[in-house]
Amino acid sequence: MTSILPTSSGGVLGGNTGTMTLHGGNVPRERRPLNAYVPADEAYHCPSDKGDSLWISNFPKGTKTCFDAWGNSYLTVWAVETLRIQHVTGDSRAAKGTPQATPMKGSALIKGPSNKLVTGDWPWWADRNKNDRESQWHNFKGEYRFNVLFGDSHTEFFQFPLEAYEWNYGNAPRPDPSFKWW
């Protein structure tokens, strides 16, 4: 994987240009590397996409979904390590040589591809309000589960244990390929 902005790995130019460049909404489809492998724009659009409780107040007027905002309904594990997850892509805005600027290498992925969390529905991170409609795309009974893609290409309706939501940046255990996820 190349050093790219998070979530700009596939999809289309988002309608959120200018306001939320952090998540790659300004990256046009021809500069999103996964489009070469999965060229159908709708592959990056979850039909259940309801937006994101953390960012929806910053969406331009009339924008209601993550796909509309960033051109992708899925958020890649990028540049930070939290919830025991090793980041996958790098943050191209970070200084070269810093861990945040370094994408995961394939040689690291093979340490545990079947339990390596790569990307999931946009609001799958623990800093979202679990009771907000925008963070409950597929959850109908108060569960907090998400469609997640793993390193071996399988997908799963994944749920973190409750204690994981008490971890914040810096106090979670380090990613470990021998754990249930990493």
N, C-alpha and C. Protein backbone atom coordinates (compact mmCIF):
# COMPACT_ATOMS: atom_id res chain seq x y z
N MET A 1 0.84 -1.17 0.00
CA MET A 1 0.00 0.00 0.00
C MET A 1 0.88 1.24 0.00
N THR A 2 0.44 2.24 -0.68
CA THR A 2 1.19 3.48 -0.73
C THR A 2 0.78 4.39 0.40
N SER A 3 1.55 5.42 0.64
CA SER A 3 1.19 6.38 1.67
C SER A 3 0.12 7.30 1.11
N ILE A 4 -1.10 7.08 1.55
CA ILE A 4 -2.24 7.83 1.03
C ILE A 4 -3.07 8.36 2.18
N LEU A 5 -3.92 9.30 1.89
CA LEU A 5 -4.83 9.78 2.91
C LEU A 5 -5.79 8.66 3.26
N PRO A 6 -6.22 8.58 4.50
CA PRO A 6 -7.15 7.53 4.89
C PRO A 6 -8.43 7.62 4.09
N THR A 7 -9.02 6.48 3.80
CA THR A 7 -10.26 6.30 3.07
C THR A 7 -10.19 6.80 1.65
N SER A 8 -9.09 7.37 1.22
CA SER A 8 -8.99 7.75 -0.19
C SER A 8 -8.47 6.58 -1.01
N SER A 9 -8.42 5.41 -0.42
CA SER A 9 -7.89 4.25 -1.11
C SER A 9 -8.83 3.75 -2.19
N GLY A 10 -10.11 4.04 -2.09
CA GLY A 10 -11.08 3.66 -3.10
C GLY A 10 -12.28 4.58 -3.03
N GLY A 11 -13.09 4.62 -4.08
CA GLY A 11 -14.28 5.45 -4.08
C GLY A 11 -14.20 6.60 -5.06
N VAL A 12 -14.95 7.64 -4.76
CA VAL A 12 -15.08 8.80 -5.65
C VAL A 12 -14.78 10.08 -4.88
N LEU A 13 -14.68 11.18 -5.61
CA LEU A 13 -14.51 12.48 -4.99
C LEU A 13 -15.73 12.77 -4.13
N GLY A 14 -15.50 13.10 -2.86
CA GLY A 14 -16.61 13.36 -1.95
C GLY A 14 -17.17 14.76 -2.12
N GLY A 15 -18.36 14.96 -1.61
CA GLY A 15 -18.99 16.27 -1.66
C GLY A 15 -18.57 17.15 -0.52
N ASN A 16 -17.67 16.65 0.31
CA ASN A 16 -17.22 17.36 1.51
C ASN A 16 -15.93 18.11 1.26
N THR A 17 -15.64 18.40 0.02
CA THR A 17 -14.38 19.04 -0.32
C THR A 17 -14.24 20.38 0.37
N GLY A 18 -13.08 20.63 0.90
CA GLY A 18 -12.79 21.90 1.55
C GLY A 18 -13.02 21.91 3.03
N THR A 19 -13.94 21.09 3.54
CA THR A 19 -14.24 21.15 4.96
C THR A 19 -13.61 20.03 5.77
N MET A 20 -13.40 18.86 5.17
CA MET A 20 -12.88 17.74 5.93
C MET A 20 -11.83 16.98 5.14
N THR A 21 -10.75 17.62 4.83
CA THR A 21 -9.71 17.00 4.03
C THR A 21 -9.01 15.87 4.78
N LEU A 22 -9.14 15.82 6.09
CA LEU A 22 -8.49 14.79 6.89
C LEU A 22 -8.79 13.39 6.37
N HIS A 23 -10.00 13.14 5.95
CA HIS A 23 -10.40 11.80 5.54
C HIS A 23 -10.37 11.56 4.04
N GLY A 24 -9.71 12.39 3.30
CA GLY A 24 -9.49 12.13 1.88
C GLY A 24 -10.64 12.44 0.96
N GLY A 25 -11.63 13.20 1.39
CA GLY A 25 -12.77 13.53 0.54
C GLY A 25 -12.39 14.31 -0.70
N ASN A 26 -11.24 14.99 -0.68
CA ASN A 26 -10.80 15.79 -1.82
C ASN A 26 -10.02 14.99 -2.86
N VAL A 27 -9.79 13.71 -2.61
CA VAL A 27 -9.01 12.90 -3.53
C VAL A 27 -9.92 12.38 -4.64
N PRO A 28 -9.63 12.74 -5.90
CA PRO A 28 -10.47 12.27 -7.01
C PRO A 28 -10.33 10.77 -7.23
N ARG A 29 -11.33 10.19 -7.86
CA ARG A 29 -11.37 8.73 -8.03
C ARG A 29 -10.15 8.19 -8.76
N GLU A 30 -9.59 8.94 -9.72
CA GLU A 30 -8.43 8.43 -10.47
C GLU A 30 -7.16 8.37 -9.62
N ARG A 31 -7.14 8.99 -8.44
CA ARG A 31 -5.98 8.93 -7.55
C ARG A 31 -6.22 8.00 -6.36
N ARG A 32 -7.28 7.23 -6.39
CA ARG A 32 -7.58 6.29 -5.31
C ARG A 32 -7.15 4.90 -5.78
N PRO A 33 -6.07 4.36 -5.21
CA PRO A 33 -5.44 3.16 -5.76
C PRO A 33 -6.32 1.92 -5.83
N LEU A 34 -7.25 1.72 -4.91
CA LEU A 34 -8.07 0.50 -4.97
C LEU A 34 -9.04 0.50 -6.13
N ASN A 35 -9.32 1.67 -6.70
CA ASN A 35 -10.22 1.72 -7.85
C ASN A 35 -9.68 0.93 -9.04
N ALA A 36 -8.36 0.75 -9.11
CA ALA A 36 -7.78 -0.06 -10.19
C ALA A 36 -8.20 -1.52 -10.06
N TYR A 37 -8.48 -1.98 -8.83
CA TYR A 37 -8.84 -3.37 -8.57
C TYR A 37 -10.34 -3.56 -8.46
N VAL A 38 -11.02 -2.55 -7.92
CA VAL A 38 -12.47 -2.58 -7.76
C VAL A 38 -13.01 -1.27 -8.34
N PRO A 39 -13.24 -1.23 -9.65
CA PRO A 39 -13.59 0.03 -10.30
C PRO A 39 -15.04 0.48 -10.12
N ALA A 40 -15.92 -0.38 -9.64
CA ALA A 40 -17.33 0.00 -9.47
C ALA A 40 -17.47 0.95 -8.28
N ASP A 41 -17.87 2.18 -8.54
CA ASP A 41 -18.00 3.18 -7.47
C ASP A 41 -18.91 2.71 -6.35
N GLU A 42 -19.98 2.01 -6.69
CA GLU A 42 -20.94 1.57 -5.67
C GLU A 42 -20.35 0.54 -4.70
N ALA A 43 -19.24 -0.08 -5.04
CA ALA A 43 -18.59 -1.02 -4.12
C ALA A 43 -18.13 -0.31 -2.85
N TYR A 44 -17.93 0.99 -2.93
CA TYR A 44 -17.48 1.78 -1.79
C TYR A 44 -18.63 2.50 -1.09
N HIS A 45 -19.86 2.17 -1.47
CA HIS A 45 -21.05 2.82 -0.92
C HIS A 45 -21.91 1.78 -0.20
N CYS A 46 -21.98 1.88 1.11
CA CYS A 46 -22.83 0.98 1.88
C CYS A 46 -24.27 1.48 1.80
N PRO A 47 -25.22 0.63 1.42
CA PRO A 47 -26.61 1.06 1.33
C PRO A 47 -27.19 1.49 2.68
N SER A 48 -26.60 1.05 3.79
CA SER A 48 -27.07 1.41 5.13
C SER A 48 -26.37 2.65 5.69
N ASP A 49 -25.50 3.27 4.94
CA ASP A 49 -24.73 4.45 5.37
C ASP A 49 -25.67 5.56 5.83
N LYS A 50 -25.59 5.91 7.13
CA LYS A 50 -26.42 6.96 7.71
C LYS A 50 -25.60 8.16 8.15
N GLY A 51 -24.34 8.20 7.78
CA GLY A 51 -23.49 9.30 8.23
C GLY A 51 -22.63 8.88 9.40
N ASP A 52 -22.17 9.83 10.17
CA ASP A 52 -21.22 9.58 11.26
C ASP A 52 -21.48 10.57 12.38
N SER A 53 -21.86 10.08 13.54
CA SER A 53 -22.21 10.97 14.66
C SER A 53 -21.06 11.88 15.06
N LEU A 54 -19.82 11.48 14.81
CA LEU A 54 -18.67 12.30 15.19
C LEU A 54 -18.50 13.49 14.25
N TRP A 55 -18.82 13.32 12.97
CA TRP A 55 -18.52 14.35 11.97
C TRP A 55 -19.74 14.98 11.31
N ILE A 56 -20.93 14.45 11.51
CA ILE A 56 -22.09 14.90 10.72
C ILE A 56 -22.38 16.38 10.88
N SER A 57 -22.05 16.96 12.02
CA SER A 57 -22.29 18.40 12.20
C SER A 57 -21.39 19.24 11.28
N ASN A 58 -20.30 18.65 10.77
CA ASN A 58 -19.40 19.35 9.85
C ASN A 58 -19.75 19.12 8.38
N PHE A 59 -20.70 18.24 8.10
CA PHE A 59 -21.07 17.96 6.72
C PHE A 59 -21.67 19.21 6.09
N PRO A 60 -21.38 19.46 4.82
CA PRO A 60 -22.05 20.56 4.12
C PRO A 60 -23.56 20.32 4.09
N LYS A 61 -24.33 21.38 3.98
CA LYS A 61 -25.78 21.28 3.95
C LYS A 61 -26.23 20.30 2.87
N GLY A 62 -27.15 19.42 3.23
CA GLY A 62 -27.68 18.44 2.28
C GLY A 62 -26.89 17.14 2.22
N THR A 63 -25.71 17.10 2.85
CA THR A 63 -24.91 15.87 2.87
C THR A 63 -25.33 15.05 4.07
N LYS A 64 -25.74 13.80 3.83
CA LYS A 64 -26.26 12.98 4.91
C LYS A 64 -25.48 11.69 5.15
N THR A 65 -24.68 11.25 4.17
CA THR A 65 -23.98 9.98 4.32
C THR A 65 -22.47 10.17 4.23
N CYS A 66 -21.74 9.20 4.72
CA CYS A 66 -20.27 9.24 4.60
C CYS A 66 -19.85 9.15 3.14
N PHE A 67 -20.58 8.35 2.36
CA PHE A 67 -20.25 8.25 0.94
C PHE A 67 -20.40 9.61 0.25
N ASP A 68 -21.47 10.32 0.56
CA ASP A 68 -21.66 11.66 -0.01
C ASP A 68 -20.55 12.61 0.43
N ALA A 69 -20.11 12.48 1.68
CA ALA A 69 -19.11 13.40 2.23
C ALA A 69 -17.70 13.07 1.74
N TRP A 70 -17.31 11.80 1.82
CA TRP A 70 -15.93 11.43 1.53
C TRP A 70 -15.75 10.56 0.28
N GLY A 71 -16.86 10.15 -0.33
CA GLY A 71 -16.76 9.29 -1.50
C GLY A 71 -16.51 7.83 -1.15
N ASN A 72 -16.72 7.47 0.13
CA ASN A 72 -16.47 6.12 0.61
C ASN A 72 -17.23 5.93 1.92
N SER A 73 -17.93 4.81 2.07
CA SER A 73 -18.67 4.52 3.30
C SER A 73 -17.82 3.76 4.32
N TYR A 74 -16.56 3.48 3.98
CA TYR A 74 -15.74 2.62 4.83
C TYR A 74 -14.49 3.35 5.30
N LEU A 75 -14.14 3.15 6.54
CA LEU A 75 -12.99 3.83 7.15
C LEU A 75 -11.87 2.81 7.37
N THR A 76 -10.74 3.09 6.80
CA THR A 76 -9.56 2.23 6.92
C THR A 76 -8.83 2.50 8.22
N VAL A 77 -8.22 1.49 8.78
CA VAL A 77 -7.40 1.66 9.97
C VAL A 77 -6.14 2.41 9.53
N TRP A 78 -6.04 3.67 9.91
CA TRP A 78 -4.98 4.52 9.37
C TRP A 78 -4.19 5.20 10.47
N ALA A 79 -2.94 5.26 10.32
CA ALA A 79 -2.00 6.14 11.01
C ALA A 79 -1.98 6.10 12.53
N VAL A 80 -3.00 5.60 13.18
CA VAL A 80 -2.99 5.54 14.64
C VAL A 80 -3.25 4.09 15.05
N GLU A 81 -2.81 3.75 16.23
CA GLU A 81 -3.06 2.41 16.74
C GLU A 81 -3.87 2.54 18.02
N THR A 82 -5.10 2.08 17.94
CA THR A 82 -6.01 2.12 19.05
C THR A 82 -6.86 0.85 19.02
N LEU A 83 -7.50 0.52 20.09
CA LEU A 83 -8.33 -0.68 20.18
C LEU A 83 -7.55 -1.95 19.80
N ARG A 84 -6.24 -1.94 20.03
CA ARG A 84 -5.34 -3.07 19.71
C ARG A 84 -5.17 -3.28 18.21
N ILE A 85 -5.48 -2.29 17.40
CA ILE A 85 -5.42 -2.43 15.94
C ILE A 85 -4.19 -1.73 15.39
N GLN A 86 -3.40 -2.45 14.62
CA GLN A 86 -2.26 -1.84 13.93
C GLN A 86 -2.77 -1.12 12.69
N HIS A 87 -2.31 0.10 12.49
CA HIS A 87 -2.77 0.85 11.32
C HIS A 87 -2.33 0.18 10.03
N VAL A 88 -3.07 0.45 8.96
CA VAL A 88 -2.82 -0.18 7.67
C VAL A 88 -2.20 0.82 6.70
N THR A 89 -2.86 1.95 6.52
CA THR A 89 -2.33 2.97 5.61
C THR A 89 -1.53 3.99 6.40
N GLY A 90 -0.82 4.83 5.71
CA GLY A 90 -0.10 5.91 6.36
C GLY A 90 -0.84 7.22 6.19
N ASP A 91 -0.47 8.19 6.96
CA ASP A 91 -1.04 9.53 6.85
C ASP A 91 -0.04 10.37 6.07
N SER A 92 -0.37 10.69 4.85
CA SER A 92 0.59 11.38 3.99
C SER A 92 0.94 12.78 4.46
N ARG A 93 0.19 13.29 5.44
CA ARG A 93 0.49 14.62 5.96
C ARG A 93 1.55 14.56 7.06
N ALA A 94 1.80 13.38 7.60
CA ALA A 94 2.77 13.23 8.69
C ALA A 94 4.19 13.33 8.14
N ALA A 95 5.09 13.69 9.00
CA ALA A 95 6.50 13.82 8.59
C ALA A 95 7.04 12.46 8.18
N LYS A 96 7.79 12.42 7.09
CA LYS A 96 8.38 11.16 6.64
C LYS A 96 9.26 10.58 7.74
N GLY A 97 9.19 9.28 7.88
CA GLY A 97 9.97 8.60 8.90
C GLY A 97 9.23 8.40 10.20
N THR A 98 8.07 9.04 10.39
CA THR A 98 7.28 8.83 11.60
C THR A 98 6.40 7.61 11.41
N PRO A 99 6.03 6.92 12.48
CA PRO A 99 5.18 5.74 12.33
C PRO A 99 3.86 6.07 11.62
N GLN A 100 3.32 7.27 11.82
CA GLN A 100 2.05 7.63 11.19
C GLN A 100 2.16 7.74 9.68
N ALA A 101 3.35 7.97 9.17
CA ALA A 101 3.53 8.13 7.72
C ALA A 101 3.81 6.80 7.04
N THR A 102 3.97 5.73 7.79
CA THR A 102 4.39 4.45 7.24
C THR A 102 3.23 3.49 7.09
N PRO A 103 2.86 3.13 5.86
CA PRO A 103 1.81 2.12 5.66
C PRO A 103 2.30 0.74 6.10
N MET A 104 1.37 -0.13 6.41
CA MET A 104 1.71 -1.50 6.79
C MET A 104 2.29 -2.23 5.58
N LYS A 105 3.28 -3.02 5.80
CA LYS A 105 3.89 -3.83 4.73
C LYS A 105 3.18 -5.19 4.67
N GLY A 106 3.18 -5.78 3.48
CA GLY A 106 2.59 -7.09 3.31
C GLY A 106 3.23 -8.13 4.22
N SER A 107 4.53 -7.97 4.49
CA SER A 107 5.22 -8.91 5.37
C SER A 107 4.68 -8.85 6.80
N ALA A 108 4.14 -7.72 7.20
CA ALA A 108 3.52 -7.62 8.53
C ALA A 108 2.13 -8.24 8.51
N LEU A 109 1.41 -8.02 7.44
CA LEU A 109 0.05 -8.54 7.32
C LEU A 109 0.01 -10.06 7.41
N ILE A 110 1.02 -10.73 6.86
CA ILE A 110 1.00 -12.19 6.86
C ILE A 110 1.22 -12.80 8.24
N LYS A 111 1.51 -11.97 9.24
CA LYS A 111 1.64 -12.48 10.61
C LYS A 111 0.31 -12.96 11.18
N GLY A 112 -0.80 -12.48 10.61
CA GLY A 112 -2.12 -12.88 11.08
C GLY A 112 -3.21 -12.30 10.20
N PRO A 113 -3.28 -12.70 8.94
CA PRO A 113 -4.27 -12.09 8.04
C PRO A 113 -5.72 -12.38 8.41
N SER A 114 -6.00 -13.54 9.00
CA SER A 114 -7.40 -13.89 9.29
C SER A 114 -7.97 -13.13 10.48
N ASN A 115 -7.13 -12.49 11.29
CA ASN A 115 -7.64 -11.71 12.41
C ASN A 115 -7.19 -10.25 12.33
N LYS A 116 -6.63 -9.83 11.20
CA LYS A 116 -6.18 -8.44 11.01
C LYS A 116 -7.33 -7.58 10.52
N LEU A 117 -7.79 -6.66 11.36
CA LEU A 117 -8.85 -5.72 10.98
C LEU A 117 -8.25 -4.68 10.04
N VAL A 118 -8.85 -4.52 8.87
CA VAL A 118 -8.33 -3.60 7.87
C VAL A 118 -9.24 -2.38 7.71
N THR A 119 -10.50 -2.61 7.45
CA THR A 119 -11.44 -1.51 7.24
C THR A 119 -12.82 -1.95 7.65
N GLY A 120 -13.68 -0.99 7.95
CA GLY A 120 -15.04 -1.31 8.35
C GLY A 120 -15.99 -0.17 8.05
N ASP A 121 -17.26 -0.37 8.36
CA ASP A 121 -18.23 0.71 8.22
C ASP A 121 -17.67 1.96 8.88
N TRP A 122 -17.92 3.11 8.30
CA TRP A 122 -17.29 4.36 8.74
C TRP A 122 -17.29 4.56 10.25
N PRO A 123 -18.42 4.43 10.97
CA PRO A 123 -18.40 4.77 12.41
C PRO A 123 -18.00 3.63 13.34
N TRP A 124 -17.13 2.72 12.88
CA TRP A 124 -16.80 1.57 13.71
C TRP A 124 -15.87 1.89 14.87
N TRP A 125 -15.29 3.07 14.93
CA TRP A 125 -14.37 3.44 16.01
C TRP A 125 -15.11 3.73 17.31
N ALA A 126 -14.44 3.57 18.42
CA ALA A 126 -15.05 3.72 19.75
C ALA A 126 -15.34 5.16 20.13
N ASP A 127 -14.87 6.14 19.36
CA ASP A 127 -15.14 7.53 19.74
C ASP A 127 -16.47 8.04 19.19
N ARG A 128 -17.29 7.15 18.63
CA ARG A 128 -18.62 7.53 18.15
C ARG A 128 -19.65 7.33 19.26
N ASN A 129 -20.71 8.13 19.23
CA ASN A 129 -21.80 7.98 20.18
C ASN A 129 -22.61 6.76 19.77
N LYS A 130 -22.55 5.71 20.56
CA LYS A 130 -23.20 4.45 20.22
C LYS A 130 -24.72 4.55 20.18
N ASN A 131 -25.29 5.57 20.81
CA ASN A 131 -26.74 5.73 20.85
C ASN A 131 -27.27 6.60 19.72
N ASP A 132 -26.39 7.18 18.95
CA ASP A 132 -26.79 8.07 17.87
C ASP A 132 -27.11 7.28 16.61
N ARG A 133 -28.20 7.62 15.94
CA ARG A 133 -28.62 6.95 14.71
C ARG A 133 -27.50 6.87 13.68
N GLU A 134 -26.68 7.92 13.59
CA GLU A 134 -25.60 7.94 12.61
C GLU A 134 -24.52 6.91 12.91
N SER A 135 -24.47 6.40 14.13
CA SER A 135 -23.48 5.38 14.48
C SER A 135 -24.09 3.98 14.53
N GLN A 136 -25.33 3.86 14.13
CA GLN A 136 -26.03 2.59 14.22
C GLN A 136 -26.52 2.15 12.84
N TRP A 137 -25.63 1.95 11.91
CA TRP A 137 -26.03 1.60 10.55
C TRP A 137 -26.75 0.27 10.45
N HIS A 138 -26.24 -0.76 11.10
CA HIS A 138 -26.77 -2.11 10.96
C HIS A 138 -27.25 -2.68 12.29
N ASN A 139 -27.36 -1.88 13.30
CA ASN A 139 -27.65 -2.37 14.64
C ASN A 139 -29.09 -2.03 15.03
N PHE A 140 -29.85 -3.07 15.27
CA PHE A 140 -31.26 -2.88 15.53
C PHE A 140 -31.66 -3.19 16.97
N LYS A 141 -30.81 -3.82 17.74
CA LYS A 141 -31.14 -4.23 19.10
C LYS A 141 -30.13 -3.67 20.09
N GLY A 142 -29.60 -2.51 19.84
CA GLY A 142 -28.64 -1.92 20.75
C GLY A 142 -27.26 -2.52 20.67
N GLU A 143 -27.03 -3.42 19.72
CA GLU A 143 -25.71 -3.98 19.56
C GLU A 143 -24.85 -2.95 18.84
N TYR A 144 -23.57 -3.10 18.93
CA TYR A 144 -22.66 -2.17 18.27
C TYR A 144 -21.71 -2.97 17.41
N ARG A 145 -22.24 -3.47 16.30
CA ARG A 145 -21.49 -4.33 15.38
C ARG A 145 -21.31 -3.64 14.05
N PHE A 146 -20.26 -4.07 13.32
CA PHE A 146 -19.96 -3.44 12.04
C PHE A 146 -19.49 -4.47 11.04
N ASN A 147 -19.77 -4.20 9.78
CA ASN A 147 -19.18 -5.00 8.72
C ASN A 147 -17.70 -4.62 8.65
N VAL A 148 -16.84 -5.60 8.75
CA VAL A 148 -15.40 -5.36 8.78
C VAL A 148 -14.71 -6.29 7.77
N LEU A 149 -13.72 -5.74 7.07
CA LEU A 149 -12.89 -6.50 6.14
C LEU A 149 -11.60 -6.86 6.85
N PHE A 150 -11.22 -8.14 6.77
CA PHE A 150 -10.00 -8.64 7.39
C PHE A 150 -8.90 -8.79 6.35
N GLY A 151 -7.68 -8.97 6.79
CA GLY A 151 -6.51 -9.06 5.93
C GLY A 151 -6.51 -10.22 4.97
N ASP A 152 -7.26 -11.27 5.26
CA ASP A 152 -7.34 -12.41 4.33
C ASP A 152 -8.51 -12.27 3.36
N SER A 153 -9.15 -11.12 3.35
CA SER A 153 -10.26 -10.75 2.46
C SER A 153 -11.62 -11.26 2.90
N HIS A 154 -11.74 -11.88 4.06
CA HIS A 154 -13.08 -12.25 4.51
C HIS A 154 -13.70 -11.06 5.23
N THR A 155 -15.02 -11.03 5.25
CA THR A 155 -15.74 -10.00 5.98
C THR A 155 -16.53 -10.65 7.10
N GLU A 156 -16.85 -9.85 8.09
CA GLU A 156 -17.53 -10.37 9.27
C GLU A 156 -18.34 -9.26 9.90
N PHE A 157 -19.46 -9.61 10.53
CA PHE A 157 -20.23 -8.67 11.34
C PHE A 157 -19.56 -8.68 12.71
N PHE A 158 -18.65 -7.75 12.93
CA PHE A 158 -17.70 -7.77 14.05
C PHE A 158 -18.18 -6.88 15.21
N GLN A 159 -17.91 -7.35 16.42
CA GLN A 159 -18.23 -6.56 17.61
C GLN A 159 -17.05 -6.59 18.57
N PHE A 160 -16.59 -5.40 18.97
CA PHE A 160 -15.56 -5.32 19.99
C PHE A 160 -16.17 -5.66 21.34
N PRO A 161 -15.41 -6.25 22.27
CA PRO A 161 -15.94 -6.44 23.63
C PRO A 161 -16.11 -5.07 24.28
N LEU A 162 -17.02 -4.97 25.23
CA LEU A 162 -17.34 -3.67 25.85
C LEU A 162 -16.12 -2.97 26.44
N GLU A 163 -15.18 -3.71 27.02
CA GLU A 163 -14.02 -3.04 27.62
C GLU A 163 -13.17 -2.29 26.60
N ALA A 164 -13.26 -2.68 25.34
CA ALA A 164 -12.48 -2.00 24.31
C ALA A 164 -12.92 -0.55 24.16
N TYR A 165 -14.18 -0.25 24.44
CA TYR A 165 -14.67 1.11 24.31
C TYR A 165 -14.20 2.02 25.44
N GLU A 166 -13.63 1.44 26.46
CA GLU A 166 -13.06 2.24 27.54
C GLU A 166 -11.60 2.62 27.25
N TRP A 167 -11.00 1.95 26.28
CA TRP A 167 -9.64 2.30 25.90
C TRP A 167 -9.70 3.57 25.08
N ASN A 168 -8.77 4.45 25.27
CA ASN A 168 -8.66 5.59 24.38
C ASN A 168 -7.27 5.59 23.80
N TYR A 169 -6.99 6.55 22.95
CA TYR A 169 -5.69 6.59 22.31
C TYR A 169 -4.59 6.59 23.36
N GLY A 170 -3.73 5.61 23.29
CA GLY A 170 -2.58 5.57 24.18
C GLY A 170 -2.68 4.58 25.32
N ASN A 171 -3.89 4.18 25.75
CA ASN A 171 -3.93 3.25 26.87
C ASN A 171 -4.43 1.85 26.50
N ALA A 172 -4.66 1.58 25.23
CA ALA A 172 -5.04 0.24 24.80
C ALA A 172 -3.80 -0.65 24.74
N PRO A 173 -3.97 -1.94 24.95
CA PRO A 173 -2.84 -2.83 24.73
C PRO A 173 -2.33 -2.71 23.30
N ARG A 174 -1.07 -3.00 23.09
CA ARG A 174 -0.47 -2.89 21.75
C ARG A 174 -1.06 -3.94 20.82
N PRO A 175 -1.10 -3.67 19.53
CA PRO A 175 -1.56 -4.67 18.57
C PRO A 175 -0.71 -5.93 18.66
N ASP A 176 -1.35 -7.08 18.58
CA ASP A 176 -0.65 -8.36 18.69
C ASP A 176 -1.30 -9.34 17.74
N PRO A 177 -0.58 -9.81 16.71
CA PRO A 177 -1.15 -10.75 15.75
C PRO A 177 -1.66 -12.06 16.35
N SER A 178 -1.25 -12.39 17.57
CA SER A 178 -1.75 -13.63 18.19
C SER A 178 -3.03 -13.39 19.00
N PHE A 179 -3.49 -12.14 19.11
CA PHE A 179 -4.73 -11.84 19.80
C PHE A 179 -5.93 -12.10 18.88
N LYS A 180 -7.15 -11.96 19.40
CA LYS A 180 -8.36 -12.19 18.60
C LYS A 180 -8.44 -11.28 17.38
N TRP A 181 -7.91 -10.06 17.50
CA TRP A 181 -7.83 -9.12 16.40
C TRP A 181 -6.59 -8.27 16.61
N TRP A 182 -6.14 -7.64 15.56
CA TRP A 182 -5.00 -6.72 15.68
C TRP A 182 -5.02 -5.69 14.59
